[in-house]
Amino acid sequence: MDPNHQAPRFWRSRAGITWIVLAGVAGWFLWAEHRAHLLGALPYLIILACPLMHLFMHRGHHQGGQHSGHHDSRDQGGKP
């Protein structure tokens, strides 16, 4: 057996491709049968996206204007 041989990833396997095809067919039928409902909800989804983006986009902000990747040497108890 070849030591460099790796098992295929799930999405490249026969079962993974089957799930992708089934999900595509299910998505098509959902779109075809419920298009009016989905498009009717679109304005509400856009309005709902505004506060959600606000919450998730400000996740890295901290008090004092510091960002999550920057630390002050005084915060770590070390010398400046």
C-alpha atoms as a PDB file:
ATOM      1  CA  MET A   1       0.000   0.000   0.000  1.00  0.00           C
ATOM      2  CA  ASP A   2       1.251   3.475  -0.858  1.00  0.00           C
ATOM      3  CA  PRO A   3       1.993   5.493   2.339  1.00  0.00           C
ATOM      4  CA  ASN A   4       1.177   8.763   0.508  1.00  0.00           C
ATOM      5  CA  HIS A   5      -2.290   7.559  -0.468  1.00  0.00           C
ATOM      6  CA  GLN A   6      -4.976   9.456   1.423  1.00  0.00           C
ATOM      7  CA  ALA A   7      -8.658   8.735   1.633  1.00  0.00           C
ATOM      8  CA  PRO A   8     -10.703  11.157  -0.487  1.00  0.00           C
ATOM      9  CA  ARG A   9     -12.432  13.980   1.324  1.00  0.00           C
ATOM     10  CA  PHE A  10     -16.103  13.483   2.040  1.00  0.00           C
ATOM     11  CA  TRP A  11     -17.256  15.987  -0.588  1.00  0.00           C
ATOM     12  CA  ARG A  12     -15.144  14.225  -3.231  1.00  0.00           C
ATOM     13  CA  SER A  13     -16.475  10.771  -2.347  1.00  0.00           C
ATOM     14  CA  ARG A  14     -19.453   9.097  -3.975  1.00  0.00           C
ATOM     15  CA  ALA A  15     -21.646   9.761  -0.911  1.00  0.00           C
ATOM     16  CA  GLY A  16     -20.620  13.431  -0.818  1.00  0.00           C
ATOM     17  CA  ILE A  17     -21.409  13.979  -4.483  1.00  0.00           C
ATOM     18  CA  THR A  18     -24.773  12.268  -3.949  1.00  0.00           C
ATOM     19  CA  TRP A  19     -25.584  14.665  -1.087  1.00  0.00           C
ATOM     20  CA  ILE A  20     -24.581  17.672  -3.214  1.00  0.00           C
ATOM     21  CA  VAL A  21     -26.857  16.551  -6.057  1.00  0.00           C
ATOM     22  CA  LEU A  22     -29.767  15.869  -3.677  1.00  0.00           C
ATOM     23  CA  ALA A  23     -29.328  19.252  -2.013  1.00  0.00           C
ATOM     24  CA  GLY A  24     -29.300  20.933  -5.437  1.00  0.00           C
ATOM     25  CA  VAL A  25     -32.509  19.173  -6.495  1.00  0.00           C
ATOM     26  CA  ALA A  26     -34.200  19.994  -3.162  1.00  0.00           C
ATOM     27  CA  GLY A  27     -33.078  23.635  -3.477  1.00  0.00           C
ATOM     28  CA  TRP A  28     -34.475  23.846  -6.992  1.00  0.00           C
ATOM     29  CA  PHE A  29     -37.872  22.496  -5.940  1.00  0.00           C
ATOM     30  CA  LEU A  30     -37.995  24.799  -2.915  1.00  0.00           C
ATOM     31  CA  TRP A  31     -37.224  27.759  -5.167  1.00  0.00           C
ATOM     32  CA  ALA A  32     -39.708  26.726  -7.853  1.00  0.00           C
ATOM     33  CA  GLU A  33     -42.587  26.070  -5.455  1.00  0.00           C
ATOM     34  CA  HIS A  34     -42.025  28.820  -2.886  1.00  0.00           C
ATOM     35  CA  ARG A  35     -40.578  31.657  -4.974  1.00  0.00           C
ATOM     36  CA  ALA A  36     -43.418  34.057  -4.128  1.00  0.00           C
ATOM     37  CA  HIS A  37     -42.998  33.459  -0.392  1.00  0.00           C
ATOM     38  CA  LEU A  38     -39.234  33.856  -0.519  1.00  0.00           C
ATOM     39  CA  LEU A  39     -39.344  37.041  -2.588  1.00  0.00           C
ATOM     40  CA  GLY A  40     -42.106  38.433  -0.363  1.00  0.00           C
ATOM     41  CA  ALA A  41     -39.857  38.040   2.679  1.00  0.00           C
ATOM     42  CA  LEU A  42     -36.839  39.621   0.987  1.00  0.00           C
ATOM     43  CA  PRO A  43     -37.468  43.240   2.168  1.00  0.00           C
ATOM     44  CA  TYR A  44     -37.779  42.034   5.765  1.00  0.00           C
ATOM     45  CA  LEU A  45     -34.578  39.998   5.467  1.00  0.00           C
ATOM     46  CA  ILE A  46     -32.699  43.041   4.194  1.00  0.00           C
ATOM     47  CA  ILE A  47     -33.986  45.136   7.108  1.00  0.00           C
ATOM     48  CA  LEU A  48     -33.066  42.345   9.541  1.00  0.00           C
ATOM     49  CA  ALA A  49     -29.555  42.161   8.069  1.00  0.00           C
ATOM     50  CA  CYS A  50     -28.754  45.720   9.172  1.00  0.00           C
ATOM     51  CA  PRO A  51     -28.784  45.166  12.968  1.00  0.00           C
ATOM     52  CA  LEU A  52     -27.204  41.731  12.585  1.00  0.00           C
ATOM     53  CA  MET A  53     -24.307  43.172  10.587  1.00  0.00           C
ATOM     54  CA  HIS A  54     -23.969  45.940  13.167  1.00  0.00           C
ATOM     55  CA  LEU A  55     -23.679  43.399  15.985  1.00  0.00           C
ATOM     56  CA  PHE A  56     -21.225  41.121  14.243  1.00  0.00           C
ATOM     57  CA  MET A  57     -19.102  43.822  12.619  1.00  0.00           C
ATOM     58  CA  HIS A  58     -18.457  45.602  15.958  1.00  0.00           C
ATOM     59  CA  ARG A  59     -17.428  42.374  17.678  1.00  0.00           C
ATOM     60  CA  GLY A  60     -13.725  43.288  17.788  1.00  0.00           C
ATOM     61  CA  HIS A  61     -14.119  46.774  19.278  1.00  0.00           C
ATOM     62  CA  HIS A  62     -13.148  47.224  22.903  1.00  0.00           C
ATOM     63  CA  GLN A  63     -13.368  50.075  25.344  1.00  0.00           C
ATOM     64  CA  GLY A  64     -10.788  52.764  24.736  1.00  0.00           C
ATOM     65  CA  GLY A  65     -10.533  52.232  21.006  1.00  0.00           C
ATOM     66  CA  GLN A  66      -8.249  49.199  21.199  1.00  0.00           C
ATOM     67  CA  HIS A  67      -8.695  46.434  18.681  1.00  0.00           C
ATOM     68  CA  SER A  68      -8.579  42.743  19.509  1.00  0.00           C
ATOM     69  CA  GLY A  69      -5.099  42.200  18.057  1.00  0.00           C
ATOM     70  CA  HIS A  70      -3.347  45.090  19.859  1.00  0.00           C
ATOM     71  CA  HIS A  71      -2.376  45.032  23.523  1.00  0.00           C
ATOM     72  CA  ASP A  72      -0.842  47.712  25.657  1.00  0.00           C
ATOM     73  CA  SER A  73       2.291  46.714  27.616  1.00  0.00           C
ATOM     74  CA  ARG A  74       0.660  48.054  30.791  1.00  0.00           C
ATOM     75  CA  ASP A  75      -2.161  45.508  30.427  1.00  0.00           C
ATOM     76  CA  GLN A  76       0.323  42.637  30.679  1.00  0.00           C
ATOM     77  CA  GLY A  77       2.005  43.917  33.835  1.00  0.00           C
ATOM     78  CA  GLY A  78       5.348  44.316  32.054  1.00  0.00           C
ATOM     79  CA  LYS A  79       7.652  47.257  31.751  1.00  0.00           C
ATOM     80  CA  PRO A  80       6.891  49.846  29.048  1.00  0.00           C
END
